[in-house]
Amino acid sequence: MPKVGTQSATLIEFLPTARAIVVMLLGGRDEADALLSAILVTPTGVQSESPQSFLSRLIDQARAVSQAGCNSVSGVDRAFVDSSEHAVALLRQLPFERRLAFILVELAGFTALEAARYCRAMPREIQALVDAARAELVCTTSCDASPALPPPGYDEAM
């Protein structure tokens, strides 16, 4: 495995190492491959980048992806959020317009004005959709995470 600090390591030689780092940061191969693919197809001249600057940019992008995922489901146990399959399943329960607005604003970092273009809605409607999605996600995750309570009067019946 080529080291980042050596002059002999080319970007091509370093890609497997960079991928492994991102897999660990994001917790999944699919997410890492998607991020790497997105960066590699950018017209910013990746070929002329040093492995150090490429890794720095890659880590910045992974950090942004990770923070977006963490901030989107606030108040929920971290181990619960780490399950990407469960997070996707939670999002899929939302109606499409709420899910689209939530993903654009909370995960992708769009402003309500920018998201409104894609959702074909007014910015104030976008914020209402995001707030409704957030409330529904918090309610769903709270219900999933908390044990079922006995019905009122259960103790009295015994």
Protein backbone atom coordinates (compact mmCIF):
# COMPACT_ATOMS: atom_id res chain seq x y z
CA MET A 1 0.00 0.00 0.00
CA PRO A 2 1.62 3.30 -1.06
CA LYS A 3 2.07 5.90 1.64
CA VAL A 4 0.52 9.33 1.22
CA GLY A 5 3.68 11.20 2.10
CA THR A 6 5.97 9.56 -0.44
CA GLN A 7 6.72 11.19 -3.75
CA SER A 8 6.68 7.81 -5.51
CA ALA A 9 3.00 7.18 -4.81
CA THR A 10 0.90 8.22 -7.78
CA LEU A 11 -2.78 8.97 -7.51
CA ILE A 12 -3.64 5.74 -9.36
CA GLU A 13 -1.55 3.71 -6.91
CA PHE A 14 -3.15 5.52 -4.01
CA LEU A 15 -6.82 5.03 -5.03
CA PRO A 16 -7.28 1.67 -3.22
CA THR A 17 -5.99 3.24 -0.01
CA ALA A 18 -8.22 6.28 -0.43
CA ARG A 19 -11.21 4.02 -1.06
CA ALA A 20 -10.48 1.99 2.08
CA ILE A 21 -10.32 5.17 4.15
CA VAL A 22 -13.65 6.40 2.81
CA VAL A 23 -15.28 3.00 3.34
CA MET A 24 -14.33 3.25 7.00
CA LEU A 25 -15.45 6.87 7.28
CA LEU A 26 -18.84 6.32 5.66
CA GLY A 27 -19.45 2.76 6.79
CA GLY A 28 -20.15 1.20 3.41
CA ARG A 29 -18.58 0.29 0.09
CA ASP A 30 -21.47 1.58 -2.00
CA GLU A 31 -21.33 5.01 -0.37
CA ALA A 32 -17.56 5.18 -0.76
CA ASP A 33 -17.70 4.13 -4.41
CA ALA A 34 -20.38 6.70 -5.14
CA LEU A 35 -18.31 9.45 -3.53
CA LEU A 36 -15.14 8.39 -5.34
CA SER A 37 -16.96 8.20 -8.67
CA ALA A 38 -18.42 11.65 -8.18
CA ILE A 39 -15.01 13.15 -7.40
CA LEU A 40 -13.19 11.34 -10.18
CA VAL A 41 -15.56 12.57 -12.89
CA THR A 42 -15.30 16.23 -11.88
CA PRO A 43 -13.56 18.42 -14.44
CA THR A 44 -11.15 19.89 -11.86
CA GLY A 45 -8.09 18.05 -13.09
CA VAL A 46 -7.93 15.11 -10.67
CA GLN A 47 -5.06 13.62 -12.68
CA SER A 48 -2.75 16.50 -11.75
CA GLU A 49 -3.60 16.32 -8.03
CA SER A 50 -1.17 14.90 -5.54
CA PRO A 51 -2.37 12.00 -3.40
CA GLN A 52 -2.29 14.33 -0.37
CA SER A 53 -4.56 16.96 -1.86
CA PHE A 54 -6.86 14.28 -3.29
CA LEU A 55 -7.17 12.59 0.11
CA SER A 56 -7.78 15.93 1.80
CA ARG A 57 -10.58 16.72 -0.65
CA LEU A 58 -11.98 13.21 -0.30
CA ILE A 59 -12.04 13.42 3.49
CA ASP A 60 -13.75 16.82 3.33
CA GLN A 61 -16.43 15.33 1.10
CA ALA A 62 -16.83 12.27 3.33
CA ARG A 63 -17.12 14.54 6.37
CA ALA A 64 -19.86 16.52 4.67
CA VAL A 65 -21.72 13.33 3.76
CA SER A 66 -21.35 11.96 7.28
CA GLN A 67 -22.46 15.19 8.98
CA ALA A 68 -25.47 15.45 6.70
CA GLY A 69 -26.50 11.95 7.71
CA CYS A 70 -25.98 12.58 11.43
CA ASN A 71 -27.72 15.95 11.52
CA SER A 72 -30.75 14.70 9.62
CA VAL A 73 -31.95 12.41 12.39
CA SER A 74 -31.12 14.36 15.53
CA GLY A 75 -31.99 12.98 18.92
CA VAL A 76 -31.64 9.35 17.86
CA ASP A 77 -29.08 6.89 19.23
CA ARG A 78 -25.93 6.89 17.03
CA ALA A 79 -25.88 3.08 16.66
CA PHE A 80 -29.43 3.30 15.36
CA VAL A 81 -28.47 5.86 12.71
CA ASP A 82 -25.40 3.88 11.61
CA SER A 83 -27.60 1.31 9.95
CA SER A 84 -27.79 2.78 6.46
CA GLU A 85 -30.38 0.23 5.35
CA HIS A 86 -32.63 1.26 8.21
CA ALA A 87 -32.14 4.96 7.46
CA VAL A 88 -33.08 4.40 3.80
CA ALA A 89 -36.12 2.40 4.89
CA LEU A 90 -37.18 5.26 7.19
CA LEU A 91 -36.84 7.80 4.39
CA ARG A 92 -38.80 5.60 2.00
CA GLN A 93 -41.77 5.69 4.39
CA LEU A 94 -42.11 9.43 3.80
CA PRO A 95 -44.36 10.67 1.01
CA PHE A 96 -42.29 11.51 -2.07
CA GLU A 97 -42.54 15.31 -1.84
CA ARG A 98 -41.56 15.32 1.85
CA ARG A 99 -38.72 12.89 1.18
CA LEU A 100 -37.44 14.97 -1.76
CA ALA A 101 -37.54 18.23 0.21
CA PHE A 102 -35.90 16.61 3.25
CA ILE A 103 -33.11 15.03 1.22
CA LEU A 104 -32.39 18.21 -0.74
CA VAL A 105 -32.38 20.51 2.29
CA GLU A 106 -31.17 18.35 5.16
CA LEU A 107 -28.85 15.91 3.41
CA ALA A 108 -27.66 17.72 0.30
CA GLY A 109 -27.49 21.17 1.90
CA PHE A 110 -29.73 22.99 -0.56
CA THR A 111 -31.45 26.16 0.60
CA ALA A 112 -35.24 26.19 0.59
CA LEU A 113 -35.08 28.46 -2.46
CA GLU A 114 -32.82 26.05 -4.36
CA ALA A 115 -34.88 23.02 -3.34
CA ALA A 116 -38.08 24.77 -4.40
CA ARG A 117 -36.92 24.62 -8.02
CA TYR A 118 -36.65 20.84 -7.91
CA CYS A 119 -39.78 20.29 -5.84
CA ARG A 120 -41.84 22.74 -7.89
CA ALA A 121 -43.01 24.50 -4.75
CA MET A 122 -42.59 27.80 -2.95
CA PRO A 123 -39.69 28.11 -0.47
CA ARG A 124 -42.06 28.39 2.52
CA GLU A 125 -43.75 25.17 1.37
CA ILE A 126 -40.34 23.47 1.26
CA GLN A 127 -39.66 24.40 4.87
CA ALA A 128 -43.07 23.04 5.87
CA LEU A 129 -42.34 19.78 4.01
CA VAL A 130 -38.93 19.48 5.70
CA ASP A 131 -40.40 20.18 9.13
CA ALA A 132 -43.14 17.59 8.58
CA ALA A 133 -40.60 15.02 7.37
CA ARG A 134 -38.34 15.68 10.36
CA ALA A 135 -41.26 15.33 12.79
CA GLU A 136 -42.36 12.10 11.14
CA LEU A 137 -38.83 10.67 11.22
CA VAL A 138 -38.35 11.60 14.88
CA CYS A 139 -41.72 10.07 15.75
CA THR A 140 -40.96 6.89 13.80
CA THR A 141 -37.49 6.47 15.28
CA SER A 142 -38.75 7.23 18.79
CA CYS A 143 -41.48 4.62 18.45
CA ASP A 144 -39.01 2.07 17.04
CA ALA A 145 -36.40 2.75 19.73
CA SER A 146 -38.65 2.82 22.79
CA PRO A 147 -40.15 -0.30 24.34
CA ALA A 148 -43.89 -0.73 24.08
CA LEU A 149 -45.72 0.63 27.10
CA PRO A 150 -48.58 -1.32 28.64
CA PRO A 151 -52.03 0.17 28.08
CA PRO A 152 -53.39 2.52 30.78
CA GLY A 153 -54.93 0.60 33.67
CA TYR A 154 -52.92 -2.55 32.92
CA ASP A 155 -51.51 -2.76 36.46
CA GLU A 156 -54.95 -2.25 38.00
CA ALA A 157 -56.38 -5.18 36.06
CA MET A 158 -53.82 -7.56 37.55
